[in-house]
Amino acid sequence: MPLNIVHDKDGLPRIILTEPTGSSAESFWKPPKAIRGGIPVCFPQFGNLGLLEQHGFARNRFWSLDEDASPLPQANNQSTVDLILKSTEEDIKAWPRGFELRLRISISPGKLTLIPRVRNVDNKAFSFMFALRNYLSVSDISEVRVEGLETLDYFDYLMNKERFTEQADAITFDGEIDRVYLSTPTKIAIIDHEKKRTFELRKDGMPDSVVWNPWDKKAKALPDMGVDGYKTMLCVDSAAIENPIVLKPFEEWRGRQELSTVSSSYCSGQLDPGRVLHGFH
């Protein structure tokens, strides 16, 4: 399936994946800032910790096409690209560990699949956090509900990361939110009532889920968000934050995320975490 590499007016490369029913995925970047939108990769940390930049450096680096990726049996309606990021001298100064971070991106009708892998190529063990920051486009944030996280514990980043338990039947939005939900199920639904559309998020290897919207005051301080940008976006991330992933020398970690669209009635009321299997299907 088509994989096109084009260059923008600044000469920076963009990869565009397409499939026959019209779905597409596009990646482009203008240094030195991370992209506001899409699915930034947060590695080797989430948040602001130590000397590393916010959410780590992976989202601020040029990746390469992974020429050594193992071939994948391709369905007729699927388009895939394999990317790789290797530790550089600059990275090692800030985070002295040798790694290879691979990302397989596949699109098929109505579905986007990401398979991240981190390999320790160092001679000593290291640990890291990881997140796929999913910027979701919604019609109106006040009309959106998230199901699958009820009854779970979360760290509230607006309350100095204090731990709470979710009491609501579903998460709805009437103000700023910045939370890391813990030990979340493999399936979460983001229901957009106005668009009659549901994003179904399935994940494996990333037990936590971040929910973020900056709301009006913080959005004004984000020059690339726009004054009203917060109304039509929501981040629901797949993540490994509470318990960092530990890799021994030459070990590899692998995660998986599938993001698809389904009819709104399909998910509503069916995502009680107590009834959701924690195995990935």
Protein backbone atom coordinates (compact mmCIF):
# COMPACT_ATOMS: atom_id res chain seq x y z
CA MET A 1 0.00 0.00 0.00
CA PRO A 2 1.12 3.56 -0.66
CA LEU A 3 3.85 5.06 1.46
CA ASN A 4 4.89 8.44 0.15
CA ILE A 5 7.74 10.64 1.36
CA VAL A 6 7.36 14.30 0.41
CA HIS A 7 9.12 17.48 1.51
CA ASP A 8 7.53 20.67 2.75
CA LYS A 9 8.55 24.21 1.81
CA ASP A 10 11.35 24.10 4.41
CA GLY A 11 12.76 20.91 2.94
CA LEU A 12 11.69 18.77 5.91
CA PRO A 13 10.48 15.25 5.08
CA ARG A 14 6.94 14.02 5.66
CA ILE A 15 5.74 10.44 5.50
CA ILE A 16 2.17 9.92 4.26
CA LEU A 17 0.36 6.58 4.58
CA THR A 18 -2.89 5.99 2.68
CA GLU A 19 -5.33 3.11 2.23
CA PRO A 20 -8.13 2.55 -0.31
CA THR A 21 -11.14 3.64 1.77
CA GLY A 22 -9.64 7.07 2.40
CA SER A 23 -7.92 6.83 5.79
CA SER A 24 -4.51 8.48 5.94
CA ALA A 25 -1.74 9.13 8.44
CA GLU A 26 0.80 11.90 8.05
CA SER A 27 3.91 12.79 9.99
CA PHE A 28 5.78 16.07 9.81
CA TRP A 29 7.84 18.16 12.17
CA LYS A 30 9.32 21.61 12.41
CA PRO A 31 12.20 21.79 14.90
CA PRO A 32 12.86 22.52 17.66
CA LYS A 33 9.36 22.25 19.10
CA ALA A 34 7.35 19.05 19.48
CA ILE A 35 4.17 18.69 17.44
CA ARG A 36 0.97 19.87 19.12
CA GLY A 37 -1.40 17.20 17.88
CA GLY A 38 -1.16 13.77 16.33
CA ILE A 39 0.45 11.13 18.59
CA PRO A 40 3.74 12.34 20.08
CA VAL A 41 5.93 9.61 21.57
CA CYS A 42 6.92 10.36 25.19
CA PHE A 43 10.23 8.64 26.01
CA PRO A 44 12.21 8.11 28.23
CA GLN A 45 10.06 10.05 30.69
CA PHE A 46 6.60 11.53 31.09
CA GLY A 47 6.30 15.02 32.52
CA ASN A 48 9.13 17.19 33.80
CA LEU A 49 11.81 15.23 35.63
CA GLY A 50 15.48 16.06 36.09
CA LEU A 51 17.50 17.47 33.21
CA LEU A 52 15.49 16.02 30.33
CA GLU A 53 13.02 18.08 28.35
CA GLN A 54 9.27 17.83 28.99
CA HIS A 55 8.05 14.30 28.15
CA GLY A 56 11.56 13.25 27.10
CA PHE A 57 13.43 13.81 23.87
CA ALA A 58 11.94 11.23 21.47
CA ARG A 59 9.21 13.58 20.22
CA ASN A 60 11.82 16.26 19.42
CA ARG A 61 14.16 14.11 17.33
CA PHE A 62 14.38 13.11 13.69
CA TRP A 63 13.57 9.42 13.25
CA SER A 64 14.79 7.24 10.38
CA LEU A 65 13.10 4.63 8.28
CA ASP A 66 13.93 1.23 9.81
CA GLU A 67 15.47 -0.65 6.92
CA ASP A 68 16.08 -3.75 9.07
CA ALA A 69 12.49 -4.18 10.25
CA SER A 70 11.12 -7.70 9.96
CA PRO A 71 8.63 -7.99 7.09
CA LEU A 72 4.95 -7.93 8.04
CA PRO A 73 2.27 -9.87 6.16
CA GLN A 74 0.30 -7.07 4.53
CA ALA A 75 -3.44 -7.09 4.09
CA ASN A 76 -4.64 -5.49 0.87
CA ASN A 77 -6.18 -2.58 2.77
CA GLN A 78 -3.28 -1.89 5.14
CA SER A 79 -0.38 0.55 4.87
CA THR A 80 2.65 0.32 7.18
CA VAL A 81 5.88 2.15 7.93
CA ASP A 82 8.67 1.20 10.34
CA LEU A 83 10.64 3.97 12.06
CA ILE A 84 13.65 3.85 14.36
CA LEU A 85 15.34 6.23 16.79
CA LYS A 86 18.78 5.35 18.14
CA SER A 87 20.59 7.04 21.02
CA THR A 88 22.94 9.79 19.87
CA GLU A 89 25.88 11.41 21.63
CA GLU A 90 23.60 14.34 22.48
CA ASP A 91 21.00 12.03 24.05
CA ILE A 92 23.62 10.10 26.03
CA LYS A 93 24.92 13.32 27.60
CA ALA A 94 21.47 13.95 29.08
CA TRP A 95 20.42 10.30 29.54
CA PRO A 96 23.49 7.99 29.53
CA ARG A 97 21.89 4.81 28.22
CA GLY A 98 22.17 3.05 24.89
CA PHE A 99 18.78 2.29 23.30
CA GLU A 100 16.97 1.59 20.07
CA LEU A 101 13.35 2.78 19.88
CA ARG A 102 11.31 1.32 17.04
CA LEU A 103 7.78 2.24 16.01
CA ARG A 104 5.63 0.36 13.50
CA ILE A 105 2.70 2.45 12.26
CA SER A 106 -0.12 0.79 10.31
CA ILE A 107 -3.40 2.13 9.01
CA SER A 108 -6.37 0.17 7.75
CA PRO A 109 -9.98 1.30 7.24
CA GLY A 110 -10.94 3.22 10.38
CA LYS A 111 -8.01 1.95 12.45
CA LEU A 112 -4.52 3.18 13.36
CA THR A 113 -2.13 0.69 14.98
CA LEU A 114 1.15 1.61 16.67
CA ILE A 115 3.64 -0.97 17.92
CA PRO A 116 6.50 0.61 19.91
CA ARG A 117 9.57 -1.39 20.93
CA VAL A 118 12.48 -0.32 23.12
CA ARG A 119 15.70 -2.35 23.12
CA ASN A 120 18.49 -1.95 25.65
CA VAL A 121 21.78 -2.01 23.70
CA ASP A 122 23.75 -0.95 26.77
CA ASN A 123 25.82 -3.16 29.08
CA LYS A 124 23.76 -2.22 32.13
CA ALA A 125 20.07 -2.24 32.99
CA PHE A 126 17.96 0.90 32.71
CA SER A 127 14.36 1.96 33.31
CA PHE A 128 12.12 4.34 31.42
CA MET A 129 8.60 5.72 31.19
CA PHE A 130 6.66 5.64 27.95
CA ALA A 131 3.48 7.18 26.57
CA LEU A 132 1.67 7.57 23.27
CA ARG A 133 0.01 11.01 23.61
CA ASN A 134 -3.20 10.68 21.57
CA TYR A 135 -4.56 14.08 20.56
CA LEU A 136 -8.16 13.26 19.66
CA SER A 137 -10.34 15.61 17.62
CA VAL A 138 -13.79 16.05 19.20
CA SER A 139 -16.79 18.20 18.32
CA ASP A 140 -17.22 19.82 21.75
CA ILE A 141 -15.32 18.76 24.88
CA SER A 142 -18.40 19.39 27.05
CA GLU A 143 -20.29 16.75 25.02
CA VAL A 144 -17.64 14.03 25.40
CA ARG A 145 -17.54 11.17 27.90
CA VAL A 146 -14.82 8.60 28.58
CA GLU A 147 -15.84 5.10 29.69
CA GLY A 148 -13.57 2.40 31.09
CA LEU A 149 -11.76 4.37 33.80
CA GLU A 150 -14.52 4.51 36.44
CA THR A 151 -13.69 3.12 39.93
CA LEU A 152 -9.95 3.32 39.20
CA ASP A 153 -7.23 5.16 41.12
CA TYR A 154 -5.48 8.12 39.51
CA PHE A 155 -2.74 10.66 40.19
CA ASP A 156 -4.08 14.20 39.89
CA TYR A 157 -1.34 16.38 38.39
CA LEU A 158 -3.37 19.49 39.32
CA MET A 159 -3.14 18.41 42.98
CA ASN A 160 0.60 17.67 43.26
CA LYS A 161 0.09 14.13 41.94
CA GLU A 162 -2.09 13.19 44.92
CA ARG A 163 -3.82 9.82 44.54
CA PHE A 164 -7.62 9.65 44.28
CA THR A 165 -10.25 7.10 43.24
CA GLU A 166 -12.59 7.91 40.35
CA GLN A 167 -16.17 8.17 41.66
CA ALA A 168 -18.07 9.09 38.48
CA ASP A 169 -19.86 6.58 36.25
CA ALA A 170 -17.95 8.07 33.31
CA ILE A 171 -15.52 10.96 32.91
CA THR A 172 -17.08 14.15 31.57
CA PHE A 173 -15.48 17.57 31.17
CA ASP A 174 -16.31 20.99 32.60
CA GLY A 175 -12.81 22.25 33.45
CA GLU A 176 -9.10 21.53 33.27
CA ILE A 177 -8.07 17.91 33.76
CA ASP A 178 -4.61 16.33 34.01
CA ARG A 179 -4.68 12.81 35.46
CA VAL A 180 -2.79 9.53 35.19
CA TYR A 181 -5.22 6.63 35.70
CA LEU A 182 -3.58 3.46 37.01
CA SER A 183 -3.95 -0.21 36.04
CA THR A 184 -6.44 0.63 33.31
CA PRO A 185 -8.26 -1.91 31.12
CA THR A 186 -7.12 -2.82 27.64
CA LYS A 187 -10.18 -1.09 26.13
CA ILE A 188 -11.29 2.50 26.72
CA ALA A 189 -14.07 4.37 24.88
CA ILE A 190 -14.10 8.10 24.11
CA ILE A 191 -17.70 8.87 23.16
CA ASP A 192 -18.43 12.02 21.14
CA HIS A 193 -22.21 12.50 21.36
CA GLU A 194 -22.42 15.39 18.90
CA LYS A 195 -20.48 13.57 16.16
CA LYS A 196 -22.19 10.26 17.05
CA ARG A 197 -18.70 8.78 16.95
CA THR A 198 -16.70 6.77 19.43
CA PHE A 199 -12.95 6.36 19.52
CA GLU A 200 -12.09 2.90 20.81
CA LEU A 201 -8.62 2.73 22.36
CA ARG A 202 -7.12 -0.74 22.82
CA LYS A 203 -3.68 -1.15 24.33
CA ASP A 204 -1.21 -3.69 25.63
CA GLY A 205 2.04 -3.25 27.59
CA MET A 206 1.03 0.25 28.72
CA PRO A 207 -1.03 -0.17 31.90
CA ASP A 208 -1.70 3.51 32.63
CA SER A 209 -3.88 6.08 30.85
CA VAL A 210 -3.45 9.85 30.86
CA VAL A 211 -6.46 12.15 30.43
CA TRP A 212 -5.64 15.80 29.65
CA ASN A 213 -7.38 18.96 28.53
CA PRO A 214 -5.87 22.37 29.42
CA TRP A 215 -9.22 24.27 29.36
CA ASP A 216 -9.44 27.98 28.62
CA LYS A 217 -6.85 29.67 30.87
CA LYS A 218 -3.97 27.30 30.15
CA ALA A 219 -4.91 27.06 26.45
CA LYS A 220 -4.37 30.82 26.14
CA ALA A 221 -0.80 30.32 27.35
CA LEU A 222 -0.14 27.70 24.64
CA PRO A 223 0.58 29.64 21.43
CA ASP A 224 -0.04 26.61 19.21
CA MET A 225 -3.34 25.71 20.89
CA GLY A 226 -5.35 28.83 20.10
CA VAL A 227 -7.90 30.46 22.40
CA ASP A 228 -10.69 27.97 21.66
CA GLY A 229 -8.55 24.98 20.65
CA TYR A 230 -9.22 23.19 23.94
CA LYS A 231 -12.92 22.85 23.01
CA THR A 232 -12.23 20.47 20.13
CA MET A 233 -9.46 18.28 21.55
CA LEU A 234 -8.88 15.67 24.25
CA CYS A 235 -5.78 13.66 25.07
CA VAL A 236 -6.33 10.07 26.23
CA ASP A 237 -2.93 8.39 26.28
CA SER A 238 -1.58 4.86 26.54
CA ALA A 239 1.25 4.95 29.05
CA ALA A 240 3.62 3.23 31.47
CA ILE A 241 4.24 5.84 34.18
CA GLU A 242 3.56 4.57 37.70
CA ASN A 243 5.93 1.61 37.35
CA PRO A 244 8.74 2.41 34.88
CA ILE A 245 9.73 -0.39 32.51
CA VAL A 246 13.02 -2.06 33.44
CA LEU A 247 15.21 -3.62 30.74
CA LYS A 248 18.29 -5.72 31.33
CA PRO A 249 21.11 -5.50 28.77
CA PHE A 250 19.84 -6.50 25.30
CA GLU A 251 16.28 -7.06 26.53
CA GLU A 252 13.39 -5.56 24.56
CA TRP A 253 10.02 -4.17 25.63
CA ARG A 254 7.06 -4.14 23.25
CA GLY A 255 3.74 -2.33 23.46
CA ARG A 256 0.73 -2.08 21.19
CA GLN A 257 -2.04 0.44 20.63
CA GLU A 258 -5.04 0.31 18.32
CA LEU A 259 -7.17 3.41 17.83
CA SER A 260 -10.36 2.91 15.85
CA THR A 261 -13.72 4.58 15.28
CA VAL A 262 -17.00 2.78 15.94
CA SER A 263 -20.63 3.81 16.24
CA SER A 264 -21.39 5.56 19.55
CA SER A 265 -23.98 3.06 20.71
CA TYR A 266 -21.47 0.21 20.44
CA CYS A 267 -19.43 1.03 23.56
CA SER A 268 -21.72 2.95 25.85
CA GLY A 269 -22.27 1.25 29.19
CA GLN A 270 -20.16 -1.80 28.35
CA LEU A 271 -16.83 -0.80 29.83
CA ASP A 272 -17.14 -1.46 33.55
CA PRO A 273 -13.46 -2.10 34.45
CA GLY A 274 -14.54 -4.97 36.66
CA ARG A 275 -15.93 -6.75 33.61
CA VAL A 276 -13.21 -5.92 31.10
CA LEU A 277 -10.63 -8.64 30.54
CA HIS A 278 -7.06 -7.45 31.02
CA GLY A 279 -5.74 -9.59 28.17
CA PHE A 280 -5.22 -8.01 24.78
CA HIS A 281 -7.39 -9.40 21.97
